[in-house]
């Protein structure tokens, strides 16, 4: 239940089975809740716990590796734009009826404005 937050979990524990309540706020929005039964948490068997921990560690390691590779790629590239560079496509030009994106070159825009 911690996926929805500790406060949400605490409010659920106070409900009686068969009782509707809400709205209850969680980290993911508002909820109308009906508790059918409450089962106290159990300790996972060691094999199941090890499997879950391995999966969590593998996912976290993969994410960190991906972020490191992405940072390295970003560090090896540099993009320099001229200070006089303006967007070639302007919204009013795109909204004109019959205007094709290929007509948005600076020369075509200047010719239409002339």
PDB file of N, CA and C in Angstrom:
ATOM      1  N   UNK A   1       0.803  -1.210   0.000  1.00  0.00           N
ATOM      2  CA  UNK A   1       0.000   0.000   0.000  1.00  0.00           C
ATOM      3  C   UNK A   1       0.838   1.262   0.000  1.00  0.00           C
ATOM      4  N   UNK A   2       2.128   1.163   0.216  1.00  0.00           N
ATOM      5  CA  UNK A   2       2.961   2.358   0.255  1.00  0.00           C
ATOM      6  C   UNK A   2       3.115   3.002  -1.110  1.00  0.00           C
ATOM      7  N   UNK A   3       2.712   2.338  -2.190  1.00  0.00           N
ATOM      8  CA  UNK A   3       2.749   2.940  -3.515  1.00  0.00           C
ATOM      9  C   UNK A   3       1.871   4.185  -3.532  1.00  0.00           C
ATOM     10  N   UNK A   4       0.785   4.164  -2.791  1.00  0.00           N
ATOM     11  CA  UNK A   4      -0.121   5.301  -2.721  1.00  0.00           C
ATOM     12  C   UNK A   4       0.198   6.243  -1.570  1.00  0.00           C
ATOM     13  N   UNK A   5       1.182   5.908  -0.767  1.00  0.00           N
ATOM     14  CA  UNK A   5       1.602   6.798   0.314  1.00  0.00           C
ATOM     15  C   UNK A   5       1.252   6.268   1.684  1.00  0.00           C
ATOM     16  N   UNK A   6       2.031   6.697   2.669  1.00  0.00           N
ATOM     17  CA  UNK A   6       1.838   6.234   4.046  1.00  0.00           C
ATOM     18  C   UNK A   6       0.539   6.749   4.642  1.00  0.00           C
ATOM     19  N   UNK A   7       0.180   7.995   4.329  1.00  0.00           N
ATOM     20  CA  UNK A   7      -1.075   8.547   4.860  1.00  0.00           C
ATOM     21  C   UNK A   7      -2.270   7.763   4.339  1.00  0.00           C
ATOM     22  N   UNK A   8      -2.238   7.447   3.051  1.00  0.00           N
ATOM     23  CA  UNK A   8      -3.311   6.662   2.453  1.00  0.00           C
ATOM     24  C   UNK A   8      -3.397   5.306   3.138  1.00  0.00           C
ATOM     25  N   UNK A   9      -2.266   4.668   3.330  1.00  0.00           N
ATOM     26  CA  UNK A   9      -2.211   3.356   3.975  1.00  0.00           C
ATOM     27  C   UNK A   9      -2.764   3.417   5.397  1.00  0.00           C
ATOM     28  N   UNK A  10      -2.422   4.464   6.124  1.00  0.00           N
ATOM     29  CA  UNK A  10      -2.912   4.608   7.503  1.00  0.00           C
ATOM     30  C   UNK A  10      -4.433   4.768   7.532  1.00  0.00           C
ATOM     31  N   UNK A  11      -4.977   5.516   6.579  1.00  0.00           N
ATOM     32  CA  UNK A  11      -6.433   5.699   6.541  1.00  0.00           C
ATOM     33  C   UNK A  11      -7.144   4.394   6.183  1.00  0.00           C
ATOM     34  N   UNK A  12      -6.546   3.600   5.316  1.00  0.00           N
ATOM     35  CA  UNK A  12      -7.145   2.321   4.923  1.00  0.00           C
ATOM     36  C   UNK A  12      -7.199   1.370   6.128  1.00  0.00           C
ATOM     37  N   UNK A  13      -6.157   1.384   6.941  1.00  0.00           N
ATOM     38  CA  UNK A  13      -6.120   0.492   8.107  1.00  0.00           C
ATOM     39  C   UNK A  13      -7.219   0.793   9.117  1.00  0.00           C
ATOM     40  N   UNK A  14      -7.748   2.011   9.100  1.00  0.00           N
ATOM     41  CA  UNK A  14      -8.795   2.394  10.047  1.00  0.00           C
ATOM     42  C   UNK A  14     -10.191   1.967   9.588  1.00  0.00           C
ATOM     43  N   UNK A  15     -10.324   1.517   8.341  1.00  0.00           N
ATOM     44  CA  UNK A  15     -11.640   1.149   7.808  1.00  0.00           C
ATOM     45  C   UNK A  15     -12.103  -0.199   8.338  1.00  0.00           C
ATOM     46  N   UNK A  16     -13.406  -0.346   8.395  1.00  0.00           N
ATOM     47  CA  UNK A  16     -14.017  -1.633   8.725  1.00  0.00           C
ATOM     48  C   UNK A  16     -14.318  -2.351   7.412  1.00  0.00           C
ATOM     49  N   UNK A  17     -14.150  -3.678   7.371  1.00  0.00           N
ATOM     50  CA  UNK A  17     -14.474  -4.415   6.133  1.00  0.00           C
ATOM     51  C   UNK A  17     -15.915  -4.171   5.692  1.00  0.00           C
ATOM     52  N   UNK A  18     -16.104  -3.995   4.370  1.00  0.00           N
ATOM     53  CA  UNK A  18     -17.417  -3.761   3.792  1.00  0.00           C
ATOM     54  C   UNK A  18     -17.818  -2.300   3.763  1.00  0.00           C
ATOM     55  N   UNK A  19     -16.992  -1.423   4.278  1.00  0.00           N
ATOM     56  CA  UNK A  19     -17.307   0.001   4.394  1.00  0.00           C
ATOM     57  C   UNK A  19     -16.686   0.779   3.231  1.00  0.00           C
ATOM     58  N   UNK A  20     -17.513   1.610   2.571  1.00  0.00           N
ATOM     59  CA  UNK A  20     -17.015   2.521   1.548  1.00  0.00           C
ATOM     60  C   UNK A  20     -16.593   3.814   2.224  1.00  0.00           C
ATOM     61  N   UNK A  21     -15.558   4.420   1.728  1.00  0.00           N
ATOM     62  CA  UNK A  21     -15.145   5.720   2.243  1.00  0.00           C
ATOM     63  C   UNK A  21     -14.451   6.492   1.127  1.00  0.00           C
ATOM     64  N   UNK A  22     -14.340   7.769   1.350  1.00  0.00           N
ATOM     65  CA  UNK A  22     -13.625   8.587   0.379  1.00  0.00           C
ATOM     66  C   UNK A  22     -14.362   9.888   0.144  1.00  0.00           C
ATOM     67  N   UNK A  23     -13.785  10.715  -0.607  1.00  0.00           N
ATOM     68  CA  UNK A  23     -12.519  10.467  -1.287  1.00  0.00           C
ATOM     69  C   UNK A  23     -11.328  10.544  -0.329  1.00  0.00           C
ATOM     70  N   UNK A  24     -10.351   9.695  -0.604  1.00  0.00           N
ATOM     71  CA  UNK A  24      -9.093   9.682   0.150  1.00  0.00           C
ATOM     72  C   UNK A  24      -7.998  10.101  -0.816  1.00  0.00           C
ATOM     73  N   UNK A  25      -7.193  11.048  -0.400  1.00  0.00           N
ATOM     74  CA  UNK A  25      -6.120  11.549  -1.261  1.00  0.00           C
ATOM     75  C   UNK A  25      -4.878  10.692  -1.114  1.00  0.00           C
ATOM     76  N   UNK A  26      -4.242  10.425  -2.249  1.00  0.00           N
ATOM     77  CA  UNK A  26      -2.953   9.732  -2.251  1.00  0.00           C
ATOM     78  C   UNK A  26      -1.983  10.531  -3.116  1.00  0.00           C
ATOM     79  N   UNK A  27      -0.798  10.036  -3.261  1.00  0.00           N
ATOM     80  CA  UNK A  27       0.173  10.676  -4.137  1.00  0.00           C
ATOM     81  C   UNK A  27      -0.200  10.560  -5.598  1.00  0.00           C
ATOM     82  N   UNK A  28      -1.211   9.782  -5.901  1.00  0.00           N
ATOM     83  CA  UNK A  28      -1.631   9.570  -7.289  1.00  0.00           C
ATOM     84  C   UNK A  28      -3.047  10.056  -7.563  1.00  0.00           C
ATOM     85  N   UNK A  29      -3.619  10.825  -6.664  1.00  0.00           N
ATOM     86  CA  UNK A  29      -4.948  11.359  -6.894  1.00  0.00           C
ATOM     87  C   UNK A  29      -5.900  11.072  -5.750  1.00  0.00           C
ATOM     88  N   UNK A  30      -7.197  11.114  -6.069  1.00  0.00           N
ATOM     89  CA  UNK A  30      -8.251  10.891  -5.099  1.00  0.00           C
ATOM     90  C   UNK A  30      -8.895   9.544  -5.369  1.00  0.00           C
ATOM     91  N   UNK A  31      -9.329   8.854  -4.297  1.00  0.00           N
ATOM     92  CA  UNK A  31      -9.854   7.502  -4.433  1.00  0.00           C
ATOM     93  C   UNK A  31     -11.097   7.308  -3.567  1.00  0.00           C
ATOM     94  N   UNK A  32     -12.068   6.570  -4.113  1.00  0.00           N
ATOM     95  CA  UNK A  32     -13.183   6.036  -3.335  1.00  0.00           C
ATOM     96  C   UNK A  32     -12.798   4.597  -3.041  1.00  0.00           C
ATOM     97  N   UNK A  33     -12.862   4.205  -1.780  1.00  0.00           N
ATOM     98  CA  UNK A  33     -12.308   2.918  -1.370  1.00  0.00           C
ATOM     99  C   UNK A  33     -13.336   2.093  -0.617  1.00  0.00           C
ATOM    100  N   UNK A  34     -13.351   0.814  -0.923  1.00  0.00           N
ATOM    101  CA  UNK A  34     -14.142  -0.136  -0.142  1.00  0.00           C
ATOM    102  C   UNK A  34     -13.186  -1.241   0.286  1.00  0.00           C
ATOM    103  N   UNK A  35     -13.091  -1.448   1.566  1.00  0.00           N
ATOM    104  CA  UNK A  35     -12.226  -2.487   2.114  1.00  0.00           C
ATOM    105  C   UNK A  35     -13.038  -3.763   2.255  1.00  0.00           C
ATOM    106  N   UNK A  36     -12.623  -4.820   1.542  1.00  0.00           N
ATOM    107  CA  UNK A  36     -13.308  -6.107   1.663  1.00  0.00           C
ATOM    108  C   UNK A  36     -12.723  -6.944   2.790  1.00  0.00           C
ATOM    109  N   UNK A  37     -11.406  -6.909   2.929  1.00  0.00           N
ATOM    110  CA  UNK A  37     -10.745  -7.673   3.997  1.00  0.00           C
ATOM    111  C   UNK A  37      -9.368  -7.071   4.221  1.00  0.00           C
ATOM    112  N   UNK A  38      -8.873  -7.254   5.414  1.00  0.00           N
ATOM    113  CA  UNK A  38      -7.520  -6.784   5.718  1.00  0.00           C
ATOM    114  C   UNK A  38      -6.696  -7.982   6.154  1.00  0.00           C
ATOM    115  N   UNK A  39      -5.565  -8.145   5.480  1.00  0.00           N
ATOM    116  CA  UNK A  39      -4.645  -9.222   5.836  1.00  0.00           C
ATOM    117  C   UNK A  39      -3.347  -8.586   6.317  1.00  0.00           C
ATOM    118  N   UNK A  40      -2.944  -8.864   7.534  1.00  0.00           N
ATOM    119  CA  UNK A  40      -1.707  -8.272   8.037  1.00  0.00           C
ATOM    120  C   UNK A  40      -0.525  -8.695   7.160  1.00  0.00           C
ATOM    121  N   UNK A  41       0.482  -7.840   7.074  1.00  0.00           N
ATOM    122  CA  UNK A  41       1.637  -8.180   6.242  1.00  0.00           C
ATOM    123  C   UNK A  41       2.343  -9.425   6.749  1.00  0.00           C
ATOM    124  N   UNK A  42       2.907 -10.174   5.800  1.00  0.00           N
ATOM    125  CA  UNK A  42       3.660 -11.378   6.142  1.00  0.00           C
ATOM    126  C   UNK A  42       5.109 -11.213   5.687  1.00  0.00           C
ATOM    127  N   UNK A  43       5.985 -11.886   6.372  1.00  0.00           N
ATOM    128  CA  UNK A  43       7.380 -11.905   5.953  1.00  0.00           C
ATOM    129  C   UNK A  43       7.495 -12.784   4.715  1.00  0.00           C
ATOM    130  N   UNK A  44       8.190 -12.271   3.698  1.00  0.00           N
ATOM    131  CA  UNK A  44       8.362 -13.053   2.469  1.00  0.00           C
ATOM    132  C   UNK A  44       9.337 -14.204   2.698  1.00  0.00           C
ATOM    133  N   UNK A  45       9.127 -15.305   2.015  1.00  0.00           N
ATOM    134  CA  UNK A  45      10.109 -16.391   2.080  1.00  0.00           C
ATOM    135  C   UNK A  45      11.438 -15.888   1.498  1.00  0.00           C
ATOM    136  N   UNK A  46      12.566 -16.385   1.988  1.00  0.00           N
ATOM    137  CA  UNK A  46      13.872 -15.895   1.525  1.00  0.00           C
ATOM    138  C   UNK A  46      14.047 -15.948   0.010  1.00  0.00           C
ATOM    139  N   UNK A  47      13.586 -17.004  -0.646  1.00  0.00           N
ATOM    140  CA  UNK A  47      13.735 -17.094  -2.105  1.00  0.00           C
ATOM    141  C   UNK A  47      12.990 -15.968  -2.817  1.00  0.00           C
ATOM    142  N   UNK A  48      11.782 -15.690  -2.377  1.00  0.00           N
ATOM    143  CA  UNK A  48      10.977 -14.628  -2.990  1.00  0.00           C
ATOM    144  C   UNK A  48      11.602 -13.261  -2.724  1.00  0.00           C
ATOM    145  N   UNK A  49      12.071 -13.041  -1.502  1.00  0.00           N
ATOM    146  CA  UNK A  49      12.724 -11.784  -1.160  1.00  0.00           C
ATOM    147  C   UNK A  49      13.974 -11.582  -2.002  1.00  0.00           C
ATOM    148  N   UNK A  50      14.786 -12.619  -2.142  1.00  0.00           N
ATOM    149  CA  UNK A  50      15.999 -12.520  -2.963  1.00  0.00           C
ATOM    150  C   UNK A  50      15.663 -12.202  -4.414  1.00  0.00           C
ATOM    151  N   UNK A  51      14.612 -12.826  -4.953  1.00  0.00           N
ATOM    152  CA  UNK A  51      14.204 -12.559  -6.336  1.00  0.00           C
ATOM    153  C   UNK A  51      13.812 -11.098  -6.509  1.00  0.00           C
ATOM    154  N   UNK A  52      13.011 -10.592  -5.587  1.00  0.00           N
ATOM    155  CA  UNK A  52      12.560  -9.201  -5.667  1.00  0.00           C
ATOM    156  C   UNK A  52      13.743  -8.242  -5.538  1.00  0.00           C
ATOM    157  N   UNK A  53      14.627  -8.511  -4.588  1.00  0.00           N
ATOM    158  CA  UNK A  53      15.794  -7.645  -4.412  1.00  0.00           C
ATOM    159  C   UNK A  53      16.691  -7.657  -5.640  1.00  0.00           C
ATOM    160  N   UNK A  54      16.886  -8.834  -6.248  1.00  0.00           N
ATOM    161  CA  UNK A  54      17.698  -8.933  -7.466  1.00  0.00           C
ATOM    162  C   UNK A  54      17.074  -8.125  -8.597  1.00  0.00           C
ATOM    163  N   UNK A  55      15.753  -8.246  -8.759  1.00  0.00           N
ATOM    164  CA  UNK A  55      15.073  -7.487  -9.812  1.00  0.00           C
ATOM    165  C   UNK A  55      15.195  -5.980  -9.578  1.00  0.00           C
ATOM    166  N   UNK A  56      14.986  -5.543  -8.351  1.00  0.00           N
ATOM    167  CA  UNK A  56      15.105  -4.117  -8.029  1.00  0.00           C
ATOM    168  C   UNK A  56      16.515  -3.609  -8.279  1.00  0.00           C
ATOM    169  N   UNK A  57      17.520  -4.384  -7.845  1.00  0.00           N
ATOM    170  CA  UNK A  57      18.908  -3.973  -8.028  1.00  0.00           C
ATOM    171  C   UNK A  57      19.247  -3.915  -9.514  1.00  0.00           C
ATOM    172  N   UNK A  58      18.809  -4.915 -10.280  1.00  0.00           N
ATOM    173  CA  UNK A  58      19.104  -4.955 -11.711  1.00  0.00           C
ATOM    174  C   UNK A  58      18.480  -3.760 -12.421  1.00  0.00           C
ATOM    175  N   UNK A  59      17.249  -3.445 -12.072  1.00  0.00           N
ATOM    176  CA  UNK A  59      16.581  -2.299 -12.690  1.00  0.00           C
ATOM    177  C   UNK A  59      17.306  -0.993 -12.346  1.00  0.00           C
ATOM    178  N   UNK A  60      17.663  -0.821 -11.089  1.00  0.00           N
ATOM    179  CA  UNK A  60      18.366   0.404 -10.672  1.00  0.00           C
ATOM    180  C   UNK A  60      19.736   0.498 -11.341  1.00  0.00           C
ATOM    181  N   UNK A  61      20.456  -0.623 -11.437  1.00  0.00           N
ATOM    182  CA  UNK A  61      21.771  -0.633 -12.073  1.00  0.00           C
ATOM    183  C   UNK A  61      21.646  -0.279 -13.554  1.00  0.00           C
ATOM    184  N   UNK A  62      20.654  -0.849 -14.221  1.00  0.00           N
ATOM    185  CA  UNK A  62      20.442  -0.557 -15.643  1.00  0.00           C
ATOM    186  C   UNK A  62      20.120   0.917 -15.852  1.00  0.00           C
ATOM    187  N   UNK A  63      19.293   1.477 -14.992  1.00  0.00           N
ATOM    188  CA  UNK A  63      18.942   2.893 -15.110  1.00  0.00           C
ATOM    189  C   UNK A  63      20.167   3.777 -14.906  1.00  0.00           C
ATOM    190  N   UNK A  64      20.970   3.475 -13.881  1.00  0.00           N
ATOM    191  CA  UNK A  64      22.193   4.259 -13.646  1.00  0.00           C
ATOM    192  C   UNK A  64      23.160   4.133 -14.819  1.00  0.00           C
ATOM    193  N   UNK A  65      23.311   2.931 -15.366  1.00  0.00           N
ATOM    194  CA  UNK A  65      24.204   2.714 -16.509  1.00  0.00           C
ATOM    195  C   UNK A  65      23.737   3.518 -17.717  1.00  0.00           C
ATOM    196  N   UNK A  66      22.435   3.481 -17.971  1.00  0.00           N
ATOM    197  CA  UNK A  66      21.874   4.242 -19.094  1.00  0.00           C
ATOM    198  C   UNK A  66      22.140   5.733 -18.912  1.00  0.00           C
ATOM    199  N   UNK A  67      21.904   6.262 -17.704  1.00  0.00           N
ATOM    200  CA  UNK A  67      22.120   7.684 -17.441  1.00  0.00           C
ATOM    201  C   UNK A  67      23.585   8.064 -17.606  1.00  0.00           C
ATOM    202  N   UNK A  68      24.512   7.184 -17.160  1.00  0.00           N
ATOM    203  CA  UNK A  68      25.940   7.447 -17.342  1.00  0.00           C
ATOM    204  C   UNK A  68      26.317   7.490 -18.815  1.00  0.00           C
ATOM    205  N   UNK A  69      25.812   6.516 -19.587  1.00  0.00           N
ATOM    206  CA  UNK A  69      26.114   6.500 -21.028  1.00  0.00           C
ATOM    207  C   UNK A  69      25.558   7.744 -21.709  1.00  0.00           C
ATOM    208  N   UNK A  70      24.360   8.142 -21.335  1.00  0.00           N
ATOM    209  CA  UNK A  70      23.758   9.336 -21.905  1.00  0.00           C
ATOM    210  C   UNK A  70      24.564  10.581 -21.547  1.00  0.00           C
ATOM    211  N   UNK A  71      25.006  10.686 -20.302  1.00  0.00           N
ATOM    212  CA  UNK A  71      25.843  11.819 -19.889  1.00  0.00           C
ATOM    213  C   UNK A  71      27.141  11.848 -20.677  1.00  0.00           C
ATOM    214  N   UNK A  72      27.756  10.684 -20.888  1.00  0.00           N
ATOM    215  CA  UNK A  72      28.994  10.619 -21.672  1.00  0.00           C
ATOM    216  C   UNK A  72      28.771  11.041 -23.115  1.00  0.00           C
ATOM    217  N   UNK A  73      27.656  10.619 -23.692  1.00  0.00           N
ATOM    218  CA  UNK A  73      27.360  11.033 -25.069  1.00  0.00           C
ATOM    219  C   UNK A  73      27.127  12.537 -25.135  1.00  0.00           C
ATOM    220  N   UNK A  74      26.391  13.073 -24.189  1.00  0.00           N
ATOM    221  CA  UNK A  74      26.137  14.517 -24.183  1.00  0.00           C
ATOM    222  C   UNK A  74      27.439  15.301 -24.046  1.00  0.00           C
ATOM    223  N   UNK A  75      28.358  14.793 -23.239  1.00  0.00           N
ATOM    224  CA  UNK A  75      29.629  15.491 -23.023  1.00  0.00           C
ATOM    225  C   UNK A  75      30.491  15.494 -24.280  1.00  0.00           C
ATOM    226  N   UNK A  76      30.283  14.529 -25.178  1.00  0.00           N
ATOM    227  CA  UNK A  76      31.139  14.441 -26.367  1.00  0.00           C
ATOM    228  C   UNK A  76      30.597  15.257 -27.540  1.00  0.00           C
ATOM    229  N   UNK A  77      29.445  15.907 -27.380  1.00  0.00           N
ATOM    230  CA  UNK A  77      28.866  16.712 -28.448  1.00  0.00           C
ATOM    231  C   UNK A  77      28.722  18.153 -27.987  1.00  0.00           C
ATOM    232  N   UNK A  78      28.929  19.043 -28.948  1.00  0.00           N
ATOM    233  CA  UNK A  78      28.726  20.453 -28.658  1.00  0.00           C
ATOM    234  C   UNK A  78      27.949  21.046 -29.826  1.00  0.00           C
ATOM    235  N   UNK A  79      26.898  21.781 -29.508  1.00  0.00           N
ATOM    236  CA  UNK A  79      26.085  22.412 -30.537  1.00  0.00           C
ATOM    237  C   UNK A  79      26.230  23.917 -30.388  1.00  0.00           C
ATOM    238  N   UNK A  80      26.717  24.544 -31.442  1.00  0.00           N
ATOM    239  CA  UNK A  80      26.865  25.994 -31.468  1.00  0.00           C
ATOM    240  C   UNK A  80      25.886  26.555 -32.486  1.00  0.00           C
ATOM    241  N   UNK A  81      25.021  27.438 -32.036  1.00  0.00           N
ATOM    242  CA  UNK A  81      24.090  28.101 -32.924  1.00  0.00           C
ATOM    243  C   UNK A  81      24.515  29.552 -33.079  1.00  0.00           C
ATOM    244  N   UNK A  82      24.464  30.072 -34.292  1.00  0.00           N
ATOM    245  CA  UNK A  82      24.784  31.493 -34.471  1.00  0.00           C
ATOM    246  C   UNK A  82      23.807  32.351 -33.683  1.00  0.00           C
ATOM    247  N   UNK A  83      24.283  33.446 -33.157  1.00  0.00           N
ATOM    248  CA  UNK A  83      23.411  34.301 -32.340  1.00  0.00           C
ATOM    249  C   UNK A  83      22.311  34.932 -33.173  1.00  0.00           C
ATOM    250  N   UNK A  84      22.512  35.057 -34.486  1.00  0.00           N
ATOM    251  CA  UNK A  84      21.498  35.674 -35.334  1.00  0.00           C
ATOM    252  C   UNK A  84      20.478  34.680 -35.855  1.00  0.00           C
ATOM    253  N   UNK A  85      20.596  33.443 -35.462  1.00  0.00           N
ATOM    254  CA  UNK A  85      19.695  32.424 -35.988  1.00  0.00           C
ATOM    255  C   UNK A  85      18.288  32.611 -35.441  1.00  0.00           C
ATOM    256  N   UNK A  86      17.311  32.648 -36.344  1.00  0.00           N
ATOM    257  CA  UNK A  86      15.907  32.768 -35.971  1.00  0.00           C
ATOM    258  C   UNK A  86      15.176  31.524 -36.438  1.00  0.00           C
ATOM    259  N   UNK A  87      14.094  31.184 -35.788  1.00  0.00           N
ATOM    260  CA  UNK A  87      13.316  30.050 -36.291  1.00  0.00           C
ATOM    261  C   UNK A  87      12.850  30.339 -37.707  1.00  0.00           C
ATOM    262  N   UNK A  88      12.932  29.339 -38.580  1.00  0.00           N
ATOM    263  CA  UNK A  88      12.528  29.528 -39.971  1.00  0.00           C
ATOM    264  C   UNK A  88      11.019  29.475 -40.136  1.00  0.00           C
ATOM    265  N   UNK A  89      10.351  28.871 -39.203  1.00  0.00           N
ATOM    266  CA  UNK A  89       8.905  28.721 -39.303  1.00  0.00           C
ATOM    267  C   UNK A  89       8.245  29.552 -38.223  1.00  0.00           C
ATOM    268  N   UNK A  90       7.344  30.390 -38.655  1.00  0.00           N
ATOM    269  CA  UNK A  90       6.602  31.205 -37.708  1.00  0.00           C
ATOM    270  C   UNK A  90       5.162  30.716 -37.662  1.00  0.00           C
ATOM    271  N   UNK A  91       4.548  30.733 -36.499  1.00  0.00           N
ATOM    272  CA  UNK A  91       3.195  30.228 -36.326  1.00  0.00           C
ATOM    273  C   UNK A  91       2.190  30.901 -37.264  1.00  0.00           C
ATOM    274  N   UNK A  92       2.172  32.230 -37.383  1.00  0.00           N
ATOM    275  CA  UNK A  92       1.183  32.827 -38.303  1.00  0.00           C
ATOM    276  C   UNK A  92       1.342  32.305 -39.726  1.00  0.00           C
ATOM    277  N   UNK A  93       2.578  32.073 -40.173  1.00  0.00           N
ATOM    278  CA  UNK A  93       2.794  31.553 -41.517  1.00  0.00           C
ATOM    279  C   UNK A  93       2.224  30.149 -41.658  1.00  0.00           C
ATOM    280  N   UNK A  94       2.363  29.328 -40.614  1.00  0.00           N
ATOM    281  CA  UNK A  94       1.855  27.967 -40.671  1.00  0.00           C
ATOM    282  C   UNK A  94       0.337  27.925 -40.669  1.00  0.00           C
ATOM    283  N   UNK A  95      -0.291  28.931 -40.050  1.00  0.00           N
ATOM    284  CA  UNK A  95      -1.739  28.939 -39.932  1.00  0.00           C
ATOM    285  C   UNK A  95      -2.436  29.433 -41.190  1.00  0.00           C
ATOM    286  N   UNK A  96      -1.685  30.044 -42.112  1.00  0.00           N
ATOM    287  CA  UNK A  96      -2.293  30.501 -43.352  1.00  0.00           C
ATOM    288  C   UNK A  96      -2.798  29.316 -44.165  1.00  0.00           C
ATOM    289  N   UNK A  97      -3.959  29.471 -44.727  1.00  0.00           N
ATOM    290  CA  UNK A  97      -4.524  28.397 -45.551  1.00  0.00           C
ATOM    291  C   UNK A  97      -3.652  28.178 -46.777  1.00  0.00           C
ATOM    292  N   UNK A  98      -3.407  26.915 -47.092  1.00  0.00           N
ATOM    293  CA  UNK A  98      -2.647  26.567 -48.284  1.00  0.00           C
ATOM    294  C   UNK A  98      -1.152  26.660 -48.126  1.00  0.00           C
ATOM    295  N   UNK A  99      -0.658  26.954 -46.947  1.00  0.00           N
ATOM    296  CA  UNK A  99       0.779  27.044 -46.741  1.00  0.00           C
ATOM    297  C   UNK A  99       1.328  25.673 -46.408  1.00  0.00           C
ATOM    298  N   UNK A 100       2.295  25.247 -47.154  1.00  0.00           N
ATOM    299  CA  UNK A 100       2.949  23.967 -46.915  1.00  0.00           C
ATOM    300  C   UNK A 100       4.226  24.206 -46.117  1.00  0.00           C
ATOM    301  N   UNK A 101       4.629  23.270 -45.260  1.00  0.00           N
ATOM    302  CA  UNK A 101       5.871  23.438 -44.506  1.00  0.00           C
ATOM    303  C   UNK A 101       7.074  23.681 -45.394  1.00  0.00           C
ATOM    304  N   UNK A 102       7.078  23.134 -46.624  1.00  0.00           N
ATOM    305  CA  UNK A 102       8.215  23.343 -47.523  1.00  0.00           C
ATOM    306  C   UNK A 102       8.289  24.795 -47.982  1.00  0.00           C
ATOM    307  N   UNK A 103       7.184  25.549 -47.824  1.00  0.00           N
ATOM    308  CA  UNK A 103       7.160  26.962 -48.196  1.00  0.00           C
ATOM    309  C   UNK A 103       7.684  27.846 -47.070  1.00  0.00           C
ATOM    310  N   UNK A 104       8.265  27.266 -46.041  1.00  0.00           N
ATOM    311  CA  UNK A 104       8.664  28.039 -44.875  1.00  0.00           C
ATOM    312  C   UNK A 104      10.145  28.405 -44.879  1.00  0.00           C
ATOM    313  N   UNK A 105      10.822  28.291 -46.007  1.00  0.00           N
ATOM    314  CA  UNK A 105      12.219  28.700 -46.060  1.00  0.00           C
ATOM    315  C   UNK A 105      12.267  30.208 -45.894  1.00  0.00           C
ATOM    316  N   UNK A 106      13.380  30.765 -45.414  1.00  0.00           N
ATOM    317  CA  UNK A 106      13.449  32.226 -45.247  1.00  0.00           C
ATOM    318  C   UNK A 106      13.159  32.967 -46.556  1.00  0.00           C
ATOM    319  N   UNK A 107      13.611  32.412 -47.669  1.00  0.00           N
ATOM    320  CA  UNK A 107      13.381  33.084 -48.960  1.00  0.00           C
ATOM    321  C   UNK A 107      11.886  33.105 -49.299  1.00  0.00           C
ATOM    322  N   UNK A 108      11.188  31.980 -49.062  1.00  0.00           N
ATOM    323  CA  UNK A 108       9.757  31.923 -49.373  1.00  0.00           C
ATOM    324  C   UNK A 108       8.964  32.852 -48.460  1.00  0.00           C
ATOM    325  N   UNK A 109       9.355  32.931 -47.206  1.00  0.00           N
ATOM    326  CA  UNK A 109       8.663  33.824 -46.275  1.00  0.00           C
ATOM    327  C   UNK A 109       8.868  35.276 -46.692  1.00  0.00           C
ATOM    328  N   UNK A 110      10.127  35.634 -47.066  1.00  0.00           N
ATOM    329  CA  UNK A 110      10.424  36.999 -47.493  1.00  0.00           C
ATOM    330  C   UNK A 110       9.652  37.345 -48.764  1.00  0.00           C
ATOM    331  N   UNK A 111       9.552  36.394 -49.687  1.00  0.00           N
ATOM    332  CA  UNK A 111       8.841  36.651 -50.945  1.00  0.00           C
ATOM    333  C   UNK A 111       7.361  36.900 -50.665  1.00  0.00           C
ATOM    334  N   UNK A 112       6.764  36.191 -49.727  1.00  0.00           N
ATOM    335  CA  UNK A 112       5.356  36.418 -49.412  1.00  0.00           C
ATOM    336  C   UNK A 112       5.143  37.755 -48.731  1.00  0.00           C
ATOM    337  N   UNK A 113       6.133  38.190 -47.966  1.00  0.00           N
ATOM    338  CA  UNK A 113       5.983  39.455 -47.231  1.00  0.00           C
ATOM    339  C   UNK A 113       6.231  40.654 -48.134  1.00  0.00           C
ATOM    340  N   UNK A 114       6.864  40.457 -49.249  1.00  0.00           N
ATOM    341  CA  UNK A 114       7.189  41.565 -50.161  1.00  0.00           C
ATOM    342  C   UNK A 114       5.989  42.028 -50.947  1.00  0.00           C
TER     343      UNK A 114
END
